[in-house]
Each structure stands twice: as structure tokens, then as C-alpha cells.
């Protein structure tokens, strides 16, 4: 595989890691401030193990970082500019909705 295709593969892996509603929610919250698992659980609900698995996916993809503070581990976005990608997705959704309305 050439270098250009390798870069696209790495990009696809990052996008794949984000491709879940709970992980997108977590990213949105972590763009505002750092949270520990318990705080995220309070917002999301469900099992702690599921939340931890989502955090692991994001961490392995290099999207979030973990920082230990006493007995707690706090998570934050590694590069907050990734939320610009989310803004672009929102623009795409709005544009598609406007096109759908104009085709009625």
C-alpha cells in the first residue's frame, strides 16, 4: 500500500472510531471539559462497562486522552479541532434537508 492510501486508511480508522451515537455524544461533552467515567455515566446511563469500552475505542484511535487525578481518570479530547469535523457534518445534514424540502 502506498503512503497516500495508508493515510486514508488511518483517517478511516479514526472516523470509524467516532461512528457511534454514544461516542459522538461523549466527544461533544469532552469538547467542553474533562469528565471521568462516573460523570459520563450520569449523562448517558447504561452499564459502566459499556461506557468504558466506548472510551477505550476513542482512546485507541487517539481521539481522547486519559489523565489520572487521584483515584479518578479524567478524559478529554486530544485535539479539540476535531469538533470542526462535526460542524461540517451538521452543515451536510442541513444542506441535505434543505435539498429534500426543495424537491417536494
PDB file of N, CA and C in Angstrom:
ATOM      1  N   UNK A   1       0.856  -1.184   0.000  1.00  0.00           N
ATOM      2  CA  UNK A   1       0.000   0.000   0.000  1.00  0.00           C
ATOM      3  C   UNK A   1       0.894   1.237   0.000  1.00  0.00           C
ATOM      4  N   UNK A   2       0.571   2.194  -0.869  1.00  0.00           N
ATOM      5  CA  UNK A   2       1.401   3.397  -0.928  1.00  0.00           C
ATOM      6  C   UNK A   2       1.077   4.332   0.246  1.00  0.00           C
ATOM      7  N   UNK A   3       1.910   5.337   0.431  1.00  0.00           N
ATOM      8  CA  UNK A   3       1.771   6.242   1.571  1.00  0.00           C
ATOM      9  C   UNK A   3       0.433   6.976   1.569  1.00  0.00           C
ATOM     10  N   UNK A   4      -0.011   7.382   0.382  1.00  0.00           N
ATOM     11  CA  UNK A   4      -1.282   8.109   0.303  1.00  0.00           C
ATOM     12  C   UNK A   4      -2.436   7.220   0.775  1.00  0.00           C
ATOM     13  N   UNK A   5      -2.478   5.988   0.311  1.00  0.00           N
ATOM     14  CA  UNK A   5      -3.547   5.072   0.723  1.00  0.00           C
ATOM     15  C   UNK A   5      -3.442   4.739   2.211  1.00  0.00           C
ATOM     16  N   UNK A   6      -2.235   4.657   2.722  1.00  0.00           N
ATOM     17  CA  UNK A   6      -2.038   4.398   4.153  1.00  0.00           C
ATOM     18  C   UNK A   6      -2.634   5.532   4.985  1.00  0.00           C
ATOM     19  N   UNK A   7      -2.456   6.759   4.526  1.00  0.00           N
ATOM     20  CA  UNK A   7      -3.038   7.911   5.244  1.00  0.00           C
ATOM     21  C   UNK A   7      -4.566   7.839   5.226  1.00  0.00           C
ATOM     22  N   UNK A   8      -5.142   7.425   4.095  1.00  0.00           N
ATOM     23  CA  UNK A   8      -6.602   7.294   4.021  1.00  0.00           C
ATOM     24  C   UNK A   8      -7.090   6.170   4.931  1.00  0.00           C
ATOM     25  N   UNK A   9      -6.299   5.125   5.051  1.00  0.00           N
ATOM     26  CA  UNK A   9      -6.657   4.027   5.955  1.00  0.00           C
ATOM     27  C   UNK A   9      -6.683   4.525   7.407  1.00  0.00           C
ATOM     28  N   UNK A  10      -5.683   5.288   7.794  1.00  0.00           N
ATOM     29  CA  UNK A  10      -5.616   5.838   9.151  1.00  0.00           C
ATOM     30  C   UNK A  10      -6.785   6.782   9.390  1.00  0.00           C
ATOM     31  N   UNK A  11      -7.114   7.603   8.416  1.00  0.00           N
ATOM     32  CA  UNK A  11      -8.262   8.508   8.539  1.00  0.00           C
ATOM     33  C   UNK A  11      -9.552   7.720   8.720  1.00  0.00           C
ATOM     34  N   UNK A  12      -9.707   6.662   7.928  1.00  0.00           N
ATOM     35  CA  UNK A  12     -10.914   5.838   8.014  1.00  0.00           C
ATOM     36  C   UNK A  12     -11.040   5.198   9.394  1.00  0.00           C
ATOM     37  N   UNK A  13      -9.927   4.788   9.987  1.00  0.00           N
ATOM     38  CA  UNK A  13      -9.953   4.196  11.325  1.00  0.00           C
ATOM     39  C   UNK A  13     -10.418   5.208  12.367  1.00  0.00           C
ATOM     40  N   UNK A  14      -9.986   6.452  12.236  1.00  0.00           N
ATOM     41  CA  UNK A  14     -10.424   7.490  13.175  1.00  0.00           C
ATOM     42  C   UNK A  14     -11.915   7.760  13.021  1.00  0.00           C
ATOM     43  N   UNK A  15     -12.375   7.856  11.780  1.00  0.00           N
ATOM     44  CA  UNK A  15     -13.798   8.106  11.534  1.00  0.00           C
ATOM     45  C   UNK A  15     -14.630   6.924  12.029  1.00  0.00           C
ATOM     46  N   UNK A  16     -14.135   5.718  11.817  1.00  0.00           N
ATOM     47  CA  UNK A  16     -14.839   4.518  12.284  1.00  0.00           C
ATOM     48  C   UNK A  16     -14.977   4.539  13.812  1.00  0.00           C
ATOM     49  N   UNK A  17     -13.932   4.976  14.504  1.00  0.00           N
ATOM     50  CA  UNK A  17     -13.988   5.048  15.962  1.00  0.00           C
ATOM     51  C   UNK A  17     -15.056   6.033  16.443  1.00  0.00           C
ATOM     52  N   UNK A  18     -15.304   7.062  15.661  1.00  0.00           N
ATOM     53  CA  UNK A  18     -16.314   8.062  16.037  1.00  0.00           C
ATOM     54  C   UNK A  18     -17.726   7.625  15.672  1.00  0.00           C
ATOM     55  N   UNK A  19     -17.860   6.613  14.830  1.00  0.00           N
ATOM     56  CA  UNK A  19     -19.134   6.259  14.205  1.00  0.00           C
ATOM     57  C   UNK A  19     -20.085   5.519  15.136  1.00  0.00           C
ATOM     58  N   UNK A  20     -20.429   6.147  16.246  1.00  0.00           N
ATOM     59  CA  UNK A  20     -21.428   5.601  17.172  1.00  0.00           C
ATOM     60  C   UNK A  20     -22.047   6.773  17.912  1.00  0.00           C
ATOM     61  N   UNK A  21     -23.369   6.792  18.054  1.00  0.00           N
ATOM     62  CA  UNK A  21     -24.021   7.935  18.717  1.00  0.00           C
ATOM     63  C   UNK A  21     -23.483   8.231  20.118  1.00  0.00           C
ATOM     64  N   UNK A  22     -23.219   7.193  20.902  1.00  0.00           N
ATOM     65  CA  UNK A  22     -22.704   7.425  22.259  1.00  0.00           C
ATOM     66  C   UNK A  22     -21.321   8.041  22.220  1.00  0.00           C
ATOM     67  N   UNK A  23     -20.484   7.579  21.313  1.00  0.00           N
ATOM     68  CA  UNK A  23     -19.135   8.146  21.227  1.00  0.00           C
ATOM     69  C   UNK A  23     -19.171   9.584  20.720  1.00  0.00           C
ATOM     70  N   UNK A  24     -20.074   9.884  19.800  1.00  0.00           N
ATOM     71  CA  UNK A  24     -20.231  11.275  19.344  1.00  0.00           C
ATOM     72  C   UNK A  24     -20.709  12.159  20.493  1.00  0.00           C
ATOM     73  N   UNK A  25     -21.636  11.641  21.297  1.00  0.00           N
ATOM     74  CA  UNK A  25     -22.110  12.376  22.470  1.00  0.00           C
ATOM     75  C   UNK A  25     -20.953  12.647  23.427  1.00  0.00           C
ATOM     76  N   UNK A  26     -20.157  11.603  23.686  1.00  0.00           N
ATOM     77  CA  UNK A  26     -19.005  11.758  24.586  1.00  0.00           C
ATOM     78  C   UNK A  26     -18.036  12.805  24.059  1.00  0.00           C
ATOM     79  N   UNK A  27     -17.765  12.749  22.767  1.00  0.00           N
ATOM     80  CA  UNK A  27     -16.854  13.731  22.170  1.00  0.00           C
ATOM     81  C   UNK A  27     -17.387  15.141  22.354  1.00  0.00           C
ATOM     82  N   UNK A  28     -18.688  15.310  22.162  1.00  0.00           N
ATOM     83  CA  UNK A  28     -19.291  16.622  22.338  1.00  0.00           C
ATOM     84  C   UNK A  28     -19.098  17.110  23.770  1.00  0.00           C
ATOM     85  N   UNK A  29     -19.382  16.250  24.725  1.00  0.00           N
ATOM     86  CA  UNK A  29     -19.209  16.633  26.136  1.00  0.00           C
ATOM     87  C   UNK A  29     -17.743  16.910  26.458  1.00  0.00           C
ATOM     88  N   UNK A  30     -16.846  16.044  25.957  1.00  0.00           N
ATOM     89  CA  UNK A  30     -15.420  16.205  26.245  1.00  0.00           C
ATOM     90  C   UNK A  30     -14.815  17.414  25.538  1.00  0.00           C
ATOM     91  N   UNK A  31     -15.531  17.957  24.561  1.00  0.00           N
ATOM     92  CA  UNK A  31     -15.054  19.186  23.923  1.00  0.00           C
ATOM     93  C   UNK A  31     -15.280  20.391  24.835  1.00  0.00           C
ATOM     94  N   UNK A  32     -16.156  20.230  25.816  1.00  0.00           N
ATOM     95  CA  UNK A  32     -16.481  21.318  26.737  1.00  0.00           C
ATOM     96  C   UNK A  32     -15.604  21.305  27.987  1.00  0.00           C
ATOM     97  N   UNK A  33     -15.314  20.086  28.489  1.00  0.00           N
ATOM     98  CA  UNK A  33     -14.443  19.924  29.660  1.00  0.00           C
ATOM     99  C   UNK A  33     -14.115  18.462  29.850  1.00  0.00           C
ATOM    100  N   UNK A  34     -13.190  18.166  30.761  1.00  0.00           N
ATOM    101  CA  UNK A  34     -12.818  16.783  31.061  1.00  0.00           C
ATOM    102  C   UNK A  34     -13.856  16.153  31.980  1.00  0.00           C
ATOM    103  N   UNK A  35     -14.089  14.869  31.764  1.00  0.00           N
ATOM    104  CA  UNK A  35     -15.025  14.121  32.603  1.00  0.00           C
ATOM    105  C   UNK A  35     -14.435  12.764  32.957  1.00  0.00           C
ATOM    106  N   UNK A  36     -14.854  12.236  34.114  1.00  0.00           N
ATOM    107  CA  UNK A  36     -14.492  10.874  34.483  1.00  0.00           C
ATOM    108  C   UNK A  36     -15.640   9.942  34.075  1.00  0.00           C
ATOM    109  N   UNK A  37     -15.413   8.643  34.169  1.00  0.00           N
ATOM    110  CA  UNK A  37     -16.410   7.655  33.758  1.00  0.00           C
ATOM    111  C   UNK A  37     -17.721   7.845  34.524  1.00  0.00           C
ATOM    112  N   UNK A  38     -17.629   8.096  35.807  1.00  0.00           N
ATOM    113  CA  UNK A  38     -18.841   8.253  36.615  1.00  0.00           C
ATOM    114  C   UNK A  38     -19.688   9.429  36.142  1.00  0.00           C
ATOM    115  N   UNK A  39     -19.039  10.527  35.794  1.00  0.00           N
ATOM    116  CA  UNK A  39     -19.770  11.699  35.302  1.00  0.00           C
ATOM    117  C   UNK A  39     -20.422  11.404  33.955  1.00  0.00           C
ATOM    118  N   UNK A  40     -19.689  10.739  33.079  1.00  0.00           N
ATOM    119  CA  UNK A  40     -20.261  10.372  31.781  1.00  0.00           C
ATOM    120  C   UNK A  40     -21.421   9.398  31.969  1.00  0.00           C
ATOM    121  N   UNK A  41     -21.278   8.474  32.903  1.00  0.00           N
ATOM    122  CA  UNK A  41     -22.353   7.525  33.193  1.00  0.00           C
ATOM    123  C   UNK A  41     -23.614   8.266  33.634  1.00  0.00           C
ATOM    124  N   UNK A  42     -23.447   9.304  34.432  1.00  0.00           N
ATOM    125  CA  UNK A  42     -24.588  10.097  34.883  1.00  0.00           C
ATOM    126  C   UNK A  42     -25.328  10.762  33.731  1.00  0.00           C
ATOM    127  N   UNK A  43     -24.612  11.082  32.666  1.00  0.00           N
ATOM    128  CA  UNK A  43     -25.227  11.716  31.498  1.00  0.00           C
ATOM    129  C   UNK A  43     -25.804  10.693  30.518  1.00  0.00           C
ATOM    130  N   UNK A  44     -25.156   9.535  30.430  1.00  0.00           N
ATOM    131  CA  UNK A  44     -25.515   8.560  29.409  1.00  0.00           C
ATOM    132  C   UNK A  44     -26.384   7.440  29.953  1.00  0.00           C
ATOM    133  N   UNK A  45     -26.078   6.991  31.166  1.00  0.00           N
ATOM    134  CA  UNK A  45     -26.767   5.827  31.720  1.00  0.00           C
ATOM    135  C   UNK A  45     -26.138   4.556  31.181  1.00  0.00           C
ATOM    136  N   UNK A  46     -26.836   3.443  31.310  1.00  0.00           N
ATOM    137  CA  UNK A  46     -26.315   2.171  30.826  1.00  0.00           C
ATOM    138  C   UNK A  46     -25.299   1.582  31.768  1.00  0.00           C
ATOM    139  N   UNK A  47     -24.558   0.629  31.272  1.00  0.00           N
ATOM    140  CA  UNK A  47     -23.535  -0.051  32.063  1.00  0.00           C
ATOM    141  C   UNK A  47     -22.226   0.719  32.053  1.00  0.00           C
ATOM    142  N   UNK A  48     -21.546   0.698  33.199  1.00  0.00           N
ATOM    143  CA  UNK A  48     -20.221   1.314  33.273  1.00  0.00           C
ATOM    144  C   UNK A  48     -19.269   0.643  32.285  1.00  0.00           C
ATOM    145  N   UNK A  49     -19.409  -0.677  32.126  1.00  0.00           N
ATOM    146  CA  UNK A  49     -18.500  -1.399  31.232  1.00  0.00           C
ATOM    147  C   UNK A  49     -18.672  -0.943  29.787  1.00  0.00           C
ATOM    148  N   UNK A  50     -19.899  -0.647  29.385  1.00  0.00           N
ATOM    149  CA  UNK A  50     -20.144  -0.181  28.017  1.00  0.00           C
ATOM    150  C   UNK A  50     -19.529   1.194  27.806  1.00  0.00           C
ATOM    151  N   UNK A  51     -19.683   2.058  28.790  1.00  0.00           N
ATOM    152  CA  UNK A  51     -19.096   3.396  28.699  1.00  0.00           C
ATOM    153  C   UNK A  51     -17.575   3.288  28.624  1.00  0.00           C
ATOM    154  N   UNK A  52     -17.007   2.416  29.441  1.00  0.00           N
ATOM    155  CA  UNK A  52     -15.557   2.220  29.413  1.00  0.00           C
ATOM    156  C   UNK A  52     -15.092   1.692  28.062  1.00  0.00           C
ATOM    157  N   UNK A  53     -15.859   0.804  27.459  1.00  0.00           N
ATOM    158  CA  UNK A  53     -15.497   0.279  26.133  1.00  0.00           C
ATOM    159  C   UNK A  53     -15.515   1.394  25.088  1.00  0.00           C
ATOM    160  N   UNK A  54     -16.525   2.265  25.142  1.00  0.00           N
ATOM    161  CA  UNK A  54     -16.578   3.389  24.201  1.00  0.00           C
ATOM    162  C   UNK A  54     -15.365   4.301  24.384  1.00  0.00           C
ATOM    163  N   UNK A  55     -15.008   4.573  25.634  1.00  0.00           N
ATOM    164  CA  UNK A  55     -13.844   5.412  25.914  1.00  0.00           C
ATOM    165  C   UNK A  55     -12.564   4.754  25.397  1.00  0.00           C
ATOM    166  N   UNK A  56     -12.476   3.443  25.533  1.00  0.00           N
ATOM    167  CA  UNK A  56     -11.307   2.717  25.046  1.00  0.00           C
ATOM    168  C   UNK A  56     -11.183   2.825  23.527  1.00  0.00           C
ATOM    169  N   UNK A  57     -12.303   2.713  22.820  1.00  0.00           N
ATOM    170  CA  UNK A  57     -12.284   2.845  21.357  1.00  0.00           C
ATOM    171  C   UNK A  57     -11.762   4.228  20.971  1.00  0.00           C
ATOM    172  N   UNK A  58     -12.283   5.268  21.622  1.00  0.00           N
ATOM    173  CA  UNK A  58     -11.851   6.633  21.314  1.00  0.00           C
ATOM    174  C   UNK A  58     -10.384   6.862  21.680  1.00  0.00           C
ATOM    175  N   UNK A  59      -9.965   6.277  22.798  1.00  0.00           N
ATOM    176  CA  UNK A  59      -8.573   6.444  23.237  1.00  0.00           C
ATOM    177  C   UNK A  59      -7.608   5.720  22.302  1.00  0.00           C
ATOM    178  N   UNK A  60      -7.953   4.494  21.903  1.00  0.00           N
ATOM    179  CA  UNK A  60      -7.083   3.734  20.994  1.00  0.00           C
ATOM    180  C   UNK A  60      -6.960   4.409  19.629  1.00  0.00           C
ATOM    181  N   UNK A  61      -8.001   5.134  19.233  1.00  0.00           N
ATOM    182  CA  UNK A  61      -7.966   5.856  17.958  1.00  0.00           C
ATOM    183  C   UNK A  61      -7.221   7.182  18.088  1.00  0.00           C
ATOM    184  N   UNK A  62      -6.809   7.526  19.311  1.00  0.00           N
ATOM    185  CA  UNK A  62      -6.073   8.768  19.520  1.00  0.00           C
ATOM    186  C   UNK A  62      -6.947  10.006  19.557  1.00  0.00           C
ATOM    187  N   UNK A  63      -8.252   9.808  19.764  1.00  0.00           N
ATOM    188  CA  UNK A  63      -9.187  10.937  19.762  1.00  0.00           C
ATOM    189  C   UNK A  63      -9.272  11.581  21.137  1.00  0.00           C
ATOM    190  N   UNK A  64      -9.163  10.760  22.181  1.00  0.00           N
ATOM    191  CA  UNK A  64      -9.194  11.286  23.545  1.00  0.00           C
ATOM    192  C   UNK A  64      -7.937  10.858  24.292  1.00  0.00           C
ATOM    193  N   UNK A  65      -7.681  11.553  25.378  1.00  0.00           N
ATOM    194  CA  UNK A  65      -6.572  11.207  26.263  1.00  0.00           C
ATOM    195  C   UNK A  65      -7.116  11.029  27.674  1.00  0.00           C
ATOM    196  N   UNK A  66      -6.418  10.218  28.448  1.00  0.00           N
ATOM    197  CA  UNK A  66      -6.798   9.956  29.835  1.00  0.00           C
ATOM    198  C   UNK A  66      -5.734  10.529  30.759  1.00  0.00           C
ATOM    199  N   UNK A  67      -6.198  11.140  31.839  1.00  0.00           N
ATOM    200  CA  UNK A  67      -5.263  11.714  32.815  1.00  0.00           C
ATOM    201  C   UNK A  67      -5.755  11.332  34.206  1.00  0.00           C
ATOM    202  N   UNK A  68      -4.885  10.683  34.963  1.00  0.00           N
ATOM    203  CA  UNK A  68      -5.251  10.239  36.303  1.00  0.00           C
ATOM    204  C   UNK A  68      -5.117  11.395  37.291  1.00  0.00           C
ATOM    205  N   UNK A  69      -6.145  11.529  38.146  1.00  0.00           N
ATOM    206  CA  UNK A  69      -6.140  12.543  39.199  1.00  0.00           C
ATOM    207  C   UNK A  69      -6.619  11.856  40.471  1.00  0.00           C
ATOM    208  N   UNK A  70      -5.677  11.459  41.299  1.00  0.00           N
ATOM    209  CA  UNK A  70      -6.034  10.691  42.493  1.00  0.00           C
ATOM    210  C   UNK A  70      -6.529   9.309  42.071  1.00  0.00           C
ATOM    211  N   UNK A  71      -7.747   8.984  42.490  1.00  0.00           N
ATOM    212  CA  UNK A  71      -8.319   7.683  42.125  1.00  0.00           C
ATOM    213  C   UNK A  71      -9.156   7.755  40.851  1.00  0.00           C
ATOM    214  N   UNK A  72      -9.369   8.942  40.339  1.00  0.00           N
ATOM    215  CA  UNK A  72     -10.205   9.121  39.145  1.00  0.00           C
ATOM    216  C   UNK A  72      -9.346   9.276  37.894  1.00  0.00           C
ATOM    217  N   UNK A  73      -9.899   8.845  36.765  1.00  0.00           N
ATOM    218  CA  UNK A  73      -9.279   9.062  35.466  1.00  0.00           C
ATOM    219  C   UNK A  73     -10.192  10.003  34.694  1.00  0.00           C
ATOM    220  N   UNK A  74      -9.649  11.113  34.258  1.00  0.00           N
ATOM    221  CA  UNK A  74     -10.415  12.106  33.513  1.00  0.00           C
ATOM    222  C   UNK A  74     -10.036  12.044  32.044  1.00  0.00           C
ATOM    223  N   UNK A  75     -11.060  12.142  31.208  1.00  0.00           N
ATOM    224  CA  UNK A  75     -10.885  12.056  29.765  1.00  0.00           C
ATOM    225  C   UNK A  75     -11.132  13.412  29.134  1.00  0.00           C
ATOM    226  N   UNK A  76     -10.373  13.703  28.078  1.00  0.00           N
ATOM    227  CA  UNK A  76     -10.574  14.942  27.329  1.00  0.00           C
ATOM    228  C   UNK A  76     -10.192  14.678  25.867  1.00  0.00           C
ATOM    229  N   UNK A  77     -10.638  15.569  24.996  1.00  0.00           N
ATOM    230  CA  UNK A  77     -10.265  15.444  23.589  1.00  0.00           C
ATOM    231  C   UNK A  77      -8.786  15.748  23.439  1.00  0.00           C
ATOM    232  N   UNK A  78      -8.118  14.958  22.621  1.00  0.00           N
ATOM    233  CA  UNK A  78      -6.693  15.199  22.366  1.00  0.00           C
ATOM    234  C   UNK A  78      -6.523  16.454  21.520  1.00  0.00           C
ATOM    235  N   UNK A  79      -7.351  16.594  20.481  1.00  0.00           N
ATOM    236  CA  UNK A  79      -7.303  17.774  19.615  1.00  0.00           C
ATOM    237  C   UNK A  79      -8.737  18.304  19.449  1.00  0.00           C
ATOM    238  N   UNK A  80      -9.090  19.343  20.202  1.00  0.00           N
ATOM    239  CA  UNK A  80     -10.455  19.873  20.145  1.00  0.00           C
ATOM    240  C   UNK A  80     -10.912  20.284  18.744  1.00  0.00           C
ATOM    241  N   UNK A  81      -9.974  20.526  17.843  1.00  0.00           N
ATOM    242  CA  UNK A  81     -10.361  20.929  16.483  1.00  0.00           C
ATOM    243  C   UNK A  81     -11.137  19.840  15.764  1.00  0.00           C
ATOM    244  N   UNK A  82     -11.159  18.619  16.295  1.00  0.00           N
ATOM    245  CA  UNK A  82     -11.934  17.555  15.668  1.00  0.00           C
ATOM    246  C   UNK A  82     -13.422  17.906  15.642  1.00  0.00           C
ATOM    247  N   UNK A  83     -13.829  18.803  16.517  1.00  0.00           N
ATOM    248  CA  UNK A  83     -15.233  19.219  16.542  1.00  0.00           C
ATOM    249  C   UNK A  83     -15.578  20.033  15.293  1.00  0.00           C
ATOM    250  N   UNK A  84     -14.576  20.570  14.594  1.00  0.00           N
ATOM    251  CA  UNK A  84     -14.843  21.244  13.315  1.00  0.00           C
ATOM    252  C   UNK A  84     -15.373  20.235  12.297  1.00  0.00           C
ATOM    253  N   UNK A  85     -14.904  18.999  12.390  1.00  0.00           N
ATOM    254  CA  UNK A  85     -15.414  17.937  11.535  1.00  0.00           C
ATOM    255  C   UNK A  85     -16.905  17.732  11.825  1.00  0.00           C
ATOM    256  N   UNK A  86     -17.273  17.773  13.103  1.00  0.00           N
ATOM    257  CA  UNK A  86     -18.682  17.617  13.483  1.00  0.00           C
ATOM    258  C   UNK A  86     -19.514  18.786  12.949  1.00  0.00           C
ATOM    259  N   UNK A  87     -18.948  19.985  12.981  1.00  0.00           N
ATOM    260  CA  UNK A  87     -19.645  21.139  12.421  1.00  0.00           C
ATOM    261  C   UNK A  87     -19.887  20.940  10.930  1.00  0.00           C
ATOM    262  N   UNK A  88     -18.925  20.386  10.240  1.00  0.00           N
ATOM    263  CA  UNK A  88     -19.067  20.117   8.810  1.00  0.00           C
ATOM    264  C   UNK A  88     -20.176  19.084   8.577  1.00  0.00           C
ATOM    265  N   UNK A  89     -20.248  18.070   9.411  1.00  0.00           N
ATOM    266  CA  UNK A  89     -21.319  17.065   9.302  1.00  0.00           C
ATOM    267  C   UNK A  89     -22.677  17.726   9.500  1.00  0.00           C
ATOM    268  N   UNK A  90     -22.774  18.641  10.467  1.00  0.00           N
ATOM    269  CA  UNK A  90     -24.032  19.366  10.699  1.00  0.00           C
ATOM    270  C   UNK A  90     -24.416  20.181   9.465  1.00  0.00           C
ATOM    271  N   UNK A  91     -23.450  20.811   8.828  1.00  0.00           N
ATOM    272  CA  UNK A  91     -23.713  21.564   7.599  1.00  0.00           C
ATOM    273  C   UNK A  91     -24.226  20.631   6.508  1.00  0.00           C
ATOM    274  N   UNK A  92     -23.623  19.472   6.393  1.00  0.00           N
ATOM    275  CA  UNK A  92     -24.073  18.476   5.421  1.00  0.00           C
ATOM    276  C   UNK A  92     -25.524  18.065   5.687  1.00  0.00           C
ATOM    277  N   UNK A  93     -25.862  17.819   6.941  1.00  0.00           N
ATOM    278  CA  UNK A  93     -27.226  17.417   7.302  1.00  0.00           C
ATOM    279  C   UNK A  93     -28.225  18.512   6.936  1.00  0.00           C
ATOM    280  N   UNK A  94     -27.890  19.770   7.279  1.00  0.00           N
ATOM    281  CA  UNK A  94     -28.782  20.892   6.958  1.00  0.00           C
ATOM    282  C   UNK A  94     -28.947  21.044   5.453  1.00  0.00           C
ATOM    283  N   UNK A  95     -27.849  20.950   4.717  1.00  0.00           N
ATOM    284  CA  UNK A  95     -27.891  21.100   3.261  1.00  0.00           C
ATOM    285  C   UNK A  95     -28.750  20.011   2.638  1.00  0.00           C
ATOM    286  N   UNK A  96     -28.574  18.789   3.082  1.00  0.00           N
ATOM    287  CA  UNK A  96     -29.383  17.683   2.559  1.00  0.00           C
ATOM    288  C   UNK A  96     -30.858  17.865   2.891  1.00  0.00           C
ATOM    289  N   UNK A  97     -31.154  18.350   4.108  1.00  0.00           N
ATOM    290  CA  UNK A  97     -32.545  18.580   4.494  1.00  0.00           C
ATOM    291  C   UNK A  97     -33.168  19.675   3.631  1.00  0.00           C
ATOM    292  N   UNK A  98     -32.407  20.723   3.369  1.00  0.00           N
ATOM    293  CA  UNK A  98     -32.912  21.819   2.516  1.00  0.00           C
ATOM    294  C   UNK A  98     -33.161  21.314   1.083  1.00  0.00           C
ATOM    295  N   UNK A  99     -32.262  20.499   0.586  1.00  0.00           N
ATOM    296  CA  UNK A  99     -32.457  19.934  -0.759  1.00  0.00           C
ATOM    297  C   UNK A  99     -33.684  19.043  -0.810  1.00  0.00           C
ATOM    298  N   UNK A 100     -33.871  18.243   0.241  1.00  0.00           N
ATOM    299  CA  UNK A 100     -35.037  17.357   0.297  1.00  0.00           C
ATOM    300  C   UNK A 100     -36.337  18.167   0.295  1.00  0.00           C
ATOM    301  N   UNK A 101     -36.348  19.283   1.023  1.00  0.00           N
ATOM    302  CA  UNK A 101     -37.534  20.133   1.072  1.00  0.00           C
ATOM    303  C   UNK A 101     -37.799  20.800  -0.274  1.00  0.00           C
ATOM    304  N   UNK A 102     -36.741  21.180  -0.964  1.00  0.00           N
ATOM    305  CA  UNK A 102     -36.921  21.855  -2.245  1.00  0.00           C
ATOM    306  C   UNK A 102     -37.355  20.879  -3.353  1.00  0.00           C
ATOM    307  N   UNK A 103     -37.194  19.599  -3.115  1.00  0.00           N
ATOM    308  CA  UNK A 103     -37.596  18.590  -4.102  1.00  0.00           C
ATOM    309  C   UNK A 103     -39.016  18.095  -3.897  1.00  0.00           C
ATOM    310  N   UNK A 104     -39.728  18.704  -2.968  1.00  0.00           N
ATOM    311  CA  UNK A 104     -41.119  18.283  -2.717  1.00  0.00           C
ATOM    312  C   UNK A 104     -42.060  18.974  -3.682  1.00  0.00           C
TER     313      UNK A 104
END
